[in-house]
Amino acid sequence: MGENGAAMVMTDDAIGDGQLFASDNPATTDTLTAALGTSGLRLTRSVTPDECLDLLSTCGWRLLILDATGRTDVVLDVLSKVRRMYPDVPVLVLVRHGDTPTAVQAMKAGASDCLEIPFDPAQLQATVESLCPPTPPMLSGRHPALTHAEQTVLGHILEGRTNREIADLLCRSTRTIEVHRRHIMTKLGAGNLVDLVKRSMQIEAARNHHPADR
């Protein structure tokens, strides 16, 4: 995280529209995006520690990248919380060149690995590939199940509420609700709101027909 407590979260296309959580340093953001552009992974931006933790609850992330070139204390606090709340998510911490103390603290706090900035793009890709777990194959003809949070958001969407209204009701950021909505649309194979309503009705009808699947 940089001066404003930014961080990075990574996912893959199978989950949704990958989201960029990038350092508040534009140069670092551009470098990361360029270096990972050919890896099949996309970044999602998170601006604050709270938003980072909020986004981590939206789906199964493959990698979290934290920028520790700014406020180290903030980064280590987020890292500690992530290790407690999402122990299965690997965490890569970016540190300034030669900042061994921060790297040591991060590793002791549970970081999966550390990289110095500036980094070699090939080294970054190799590190990311070593940390990202393989994507589990999806069953043919089946949509991945919605999380509890996504089911809640879907219910509000079907009641005609806007992202802002849902965010206010659930005490979440509008950005988080937008992420949930994208994941819901992707998981249910819906191209628009009408498709979403149809798919939801079909799923509900199937559940009522097969109660054991609930």
Protein backbone atom coordinates (compact mmCIF):
# COMPACT_ATOMS: atom_id res chain seq x y z
CA MET A 1 0.00 0.00 0.00
CA GLY A 2 1.15 3.51 -0.69
CA GLU A 3 0.54 6.76 1.13
CA ASN A 4 -3.26 6.43 0.85
CA GLY A 5 -3.34 2.78 1.88
CA ALA A 6 -3.98 1.32 -1.58
CA ALA A 7 -3.61 -2.37 -2.30
CA MET A 8 -4.04 -4.88 -5.09
CA VAL A 9 -6.27 -7.88 -5.48
CA MET A 10 -5.96 -10.36 -8.32
CA THR A 11 -8.45 -12.79 -9.77
CA ASP A 12 -8.91 -14.60 -13.05
CA ASP A 13 -11.41 -14.48 -15.91
CA ALA A 14 -13.29 -17.54 -14.63
CA ILE A 15 -14.46 -15.57 -11.60
CA GLY A 16 -15.54 -12.36 -13.28
CA ASP A 17 -14.28 -9.05 -14.61
CA GLY A 18 -10.99 -9.07 -12.68
CA GLN A 19 -10.58 -6.03 -10.53
CA LEU A 20 -7.64 -3.73 -10.12
CA PHE A 21 -6.45 -2.92 -6.67
CA ALA A 22 -3.32 -0.95 -7.40
CA SER A 23 -0.73 1.11 -5.59
CA ASP A 24 -1.46 4.81 -5.30
CA ASN A 25 1.77 5.23 -7.27
CA PRO A 26 0.69 5.48 -10.95
CA ALA A 27 4.06 4.19 -12.14
CA THR A 28 3.73 1.04 -10.04
CA THR A 29 0.17 0.53 -11.27
CA ASP A 30 1.20 0.84 -14.91
CA THR A 31 4.18 -1.47 -14.42
CA LEU A 32 2.06 -4.14 -12.74
CA THR A 33 -0.64 -3.96 -15.38
CA ALA A 34 1.87 -4.20 -18.23
CA ALA A 35 3.84 -7.01 -16.59
CA LEU A 36 0.77 -9.13 -15.86
CA GLY A 37 -1.15 -8.33 -19.03
CA THR A 38 0.00 -11.49 -20.76
CA SER A 39 -0.37 -13.78 -17.76
CA GLY A 40 -4.13 -14.34 -18.01
CA LEU A 41 -4.68 -12.52 -14.72
CA ARG A 42 -6.21 -9.10 -14.25
CA LEU A 43 -5.95 -6.62 -11.41
CA THR A 44 -8.65 -4.85 -9.42
CA ARG A 45 -8.07 -1.54 -7.69
CA SER A 46 -8.79 -0.93 -4.04
CA VAL A 47 -8.07 2.51 -2.59
CA THR A 48 -8.39 1.95 1.15
CA PRO A 49 -7.66 -0.89 3.58
CA ASP A 50 -11.36 -1.23 4.42
CA GLU A 51 -12.28 -1.50 0.74
CA CYS A 52 -9.55 -4.09 0.26
CA LEU A 53 -10.97 -6.27 3.04
CA ASP A 54 -14.49 -5.64 1.76
CA LEU A 55 -13.56 -6.77 -1.76
CA LEU A 56 -11.88 -9.90 -0.43
CA SER A 57 -15.29 -11.04 0.82
CA THR A 58 -16.86 -10.86 -2.65
CA CYS A 59 -15.37 -13.99 -4.24
CA GLY A 60 -12.54 -16.50 -4.21
CA TRP A 61 -9.46 -14.42 -4.93
CA ARG A 62 -6.32 -16.09 -6.27
CA LEU A 63 -3.84 -13.49 -5.07
CA LEU A 64 -3.60 -10.33 -3.00
CA ILE A 65 -0.79 -7.84 -3.68
CA LEU A 66 0.01 -5.24 -1.03
CA ASP A 67 2.16 -2.19 -1.75
CA ALA A 68 4.37 -1.57 1.29
CA THR A 69 6.37 1.28 -0.23
CA GLY A 70 4.43 3.85 1.78
CA ARG A 71 2.84 3.35 5.21
CA THR A 72 4.32 0.08 6.37
CA ASP A 73 2.26 0.01 9.57
CA VAL A 74 -0.99 0.12 7.57
CA VAL A 75 0.15 -2.65 5.25
CA LEU A 76 1.22 -4.93 8.09
CA ASP A 77 -2.12 -4.36 9.83
CA VAL A 78 -4.05 -5.31 6.68
CA LEU A 79 -1.78 -8.31 6.15
CA SER A 80 -2.45 -9.49 9.69
CA LYS A 81 -6.22 -9.19 9.20
CA VAL A 82 -6.10 -10.98 5.84
CA ARG A 83 -4.17 -13.88 7.34
CA ARG A 84 -6.86 -14.25 10.02
CA MET A 85 -9.89 -13.73 7.79
CA TYR A 86 -8.73 -15.26 4.48
CA PRO A 87 -5.90 -17.69 5.30
CA ASP A 88 -6.13 -19.42 1.91
CA VAL A 89 -5.41 -16.25 -0.12
CA PRO A 90 -1.69 -15.93 -0.95
CA VAL A 91 -0.25 -12.45 -0.34
CA LEU A 92 2.59 -10.82 -2.27
CA VAL A 93 4.08 -7.71 -0.65
CA LEU A 94 5.94 -5.07 -2.69
CA VAL A 95 8.71 -3.23 -0.82
CA ARG A 96 11.19 -0.50 -1.70
CA HIS A 97 14.58 -1.59 -3.05
CA GLY A 98 16.82 -2.46 -0.14
CA ASP A 99 14.07 -2.27 2.49
CA THR A 100 14.99 -5.53 4.17
CA PRO A 101 13.35 -4.69 7.56
CA THR A 102 9.92 -4.30 5.96
CA ALA A 103 10.36 -7.51 3.95
CA VAL A 104 11.30 -9.39 7.11
CA GLN A 105 8.31 -7.97 9.02
CA ALA A 106 5.96 -8.85 6.16
CA MET A 107 7.20 -12.43 5.95
CA LYS A 108 6.86 -12.83 9.72
CA ALA A 109 3.32 -11.43 9.48
CA GLY A 110 2.34 -14.09 6.97
CA ALA A 111 3.25 -12.79 3.50
CA SER A 112 3.71 -15.55 0.95
CA ASP A 113 6.54 -13.66 -0.75
CA CYS A 114 8.06 -10.18 -1.19
CA LEU A 115 9.38 -8.33 -4.24
CA GLU A 116 11.47 -5.19 -4.38
CA ILE A 117 10.38 -2.19 -6.47
CA PRO A 118 11.49 -1.69 -9.18
CA PHE A 119 11.10 -5.33 -10.18
CA ASP A 120 11.83 -7.27 -13.32
CA PRO A 121 8.55 -8.10 -15.17
CA ALA A 122 9.70 -11.67 -15.78
CA GLN A 123 10.44 -12.10 -12.08
CA LEU A 124 7.00 -10.71 -11.18
CA GLN A 125 5.25 -13.11 -13.54
CA ALA A 126 7.23 -16.05 -12.21
CA THR A 127 6.39 -15.09 -8.63
CA VAL A 128 2.69 -14.65 -9.41
CA GLU A 129 2.54 -18.00 -11.20
CA SER A 130 4.18 -19.72 -8.23
CA LEU A 131 1.73 -18.17 -5.76
CA CYS A 132 -1.56 -18.48 -7.66
CA PRO A 133 -3.32 -21.80 -7.05
CA PRO A 134 -4.67 -23.56 -10.15
CA THR A 135 -8.22 -22.67 -11.11
CA PRO A 136 -10.55 -25.58 -10.32
CA PRO A 137 -12.39 -26.86 -13.41
CA MET A 138 -16.06 -25.93 -13.68
CA LEU A 139 -18.62 -28.63 -14.28
CA SER A 140 -20.06 -28.51 -17.78
CA GLY A 141 -23.50 -26.96 -17.94
CA ARG A 142 -23.36 -25.82 -14.32
CA HIS A 143 -23.02 -22.28 -13.01
CA PRO A 144 -20.86 -21.74 -9.92
CA ALA A 145 -22.96 -21.26 -6.79
CA LEU A 146 -23.59 -17.76 -5.52
CA THR A 147 -22.06 -16.83 -2.20
CA HIS A 148 -24.32 -15.79 0.68
CA ALA A 149 -23.44 -12.14 0.03
CA GLU A 150 -24.24 -12.50 -3.68
CA GLN A 151 -27.58 -14.11 -2.90
CA THR A 152 -28.42 -11.18 -0.64
CA VAL A 153 -27.45 -8.64 -3.30
CA LEU A 154 -29.38 -10.57 -5.95
CA GLY A 155 -32.50 -10.40 -3.80
CA HIS A 156 -32.23 -6.62 -3.62
CA ILE A 157 -31.55 -6.36 -7.36
CA LEU A 158 -34.68 -8.38 -8.14
CA GLU A 159 -36.64 -5.99 -5.93
CA GLY A 160 -35.56 -3.15 -8.20
CA ARG A 161 -33.04 -1.43 -5.94
CA THR A 162 -30.06 0.47 -7.34
CA ASN A 163 -26.44 -0.23 -6.43
CA ARG A 164 -26.42 2.85 -4.19
CA GLU A 165 -29.61 1.79 -2.40
CA ILE A 166 -28.25 -1.73 -1.85
CA ALA A 167 -24.94 -0.35 -0.60
CA ASP A 168 -26.73 1.86 1.93
CA LEU A 169 -28.93 -1.01 3.14
CA LEU A 170 -26.00 -3.40 3.56
CA CYS A 171 -23.54 -0.79 4.85
CA ARG A 172 -21.15 -1.51 2.00
CA SER A 173 -19.49 0.67 -0.61
CA THR A 174 -21.17 1.11 -4.00
CA ARG A 175 -18.00 -0.30 -5.53
CA THR A 176 -18.43 -3.55 -3.61
CA ILE A 177 -22.04 -3.90 -4.74
CA GLU A 178 -20.95 -3.33 -8.34
CA VAL A 179 -18.43 -6.15 -7.95
CA HIS A 180 -21.11 -8.44 -6.52
CA ARG A 181 -23.45 -7.57 -9.40
CA ARG A 182 -20.80 -8.36 -12.02
CA HIS A 183 -20.02 -11.70 -10.38
CA ILE A 184 -23.73 -12.56 -10.18
CA MET A 185 -24.26 -11.74 -13.86
CA THR A 186 -21.21 -13.81 -14.84
CA LYS A 187 -22.07 -16.80 -12.66
CA LEU A 188 -25.66 -16.93 -13.89
CA GLY A 189 -24.72 -16.30 -17.51
CA ALA A 190 -26.91 -13.18 -17.72
CA GLY A 191 -26.13 -10.47 -20.28
CA ASN A 192 -28.59 -7.93 -18.89
CA LEU A 193 -31.14 -7.41 -16.14
CA VAL A 194 -33.93 -9.18 -18.03
CA ASP A 195 -31.68 -12.22 -18.49
CA LEU A 196 -30.85 -12.10 -14.80
CA VAL A 197 -34.52 -12.16 -13.84
CA LYS A 198 -35.16 -15.10 -16.18
CA ARG A 199 -32.17 -17.07 -14.91
CA SER A 200 -33.15 -16.42 -11.29
CA MET A 201 -36.70 -17.63 -11.94
CA GLN A 202 -35.40 -20.76 -13.70
CA ILE A 203 -33.06 -21.56 -10.80
CA GLU A 204 -35.79 -21.00 -8.23
CA ALA A 205 -38.19 -23.21 -10.20
CA ALA A 206 -35.56 -25.96 -10.37
CA ARG A 207 -34.97 -25.72 -6.62
CA ASN A 208 -38.69 -25.99 -5.90
CA HIS A 209 -38.85 -29.02 -8.17
CA HIS A 210 -35.81 -30.60 -6.48
CA PRO A 211 -35.91 -29.55 -2.78
CA ALA A 212 -32.85 -31.69 -2.00
CA ASP A 213 -30.69 -29.35 -4.12
CA ARG A 214 -31.29 -26.40 -1.80
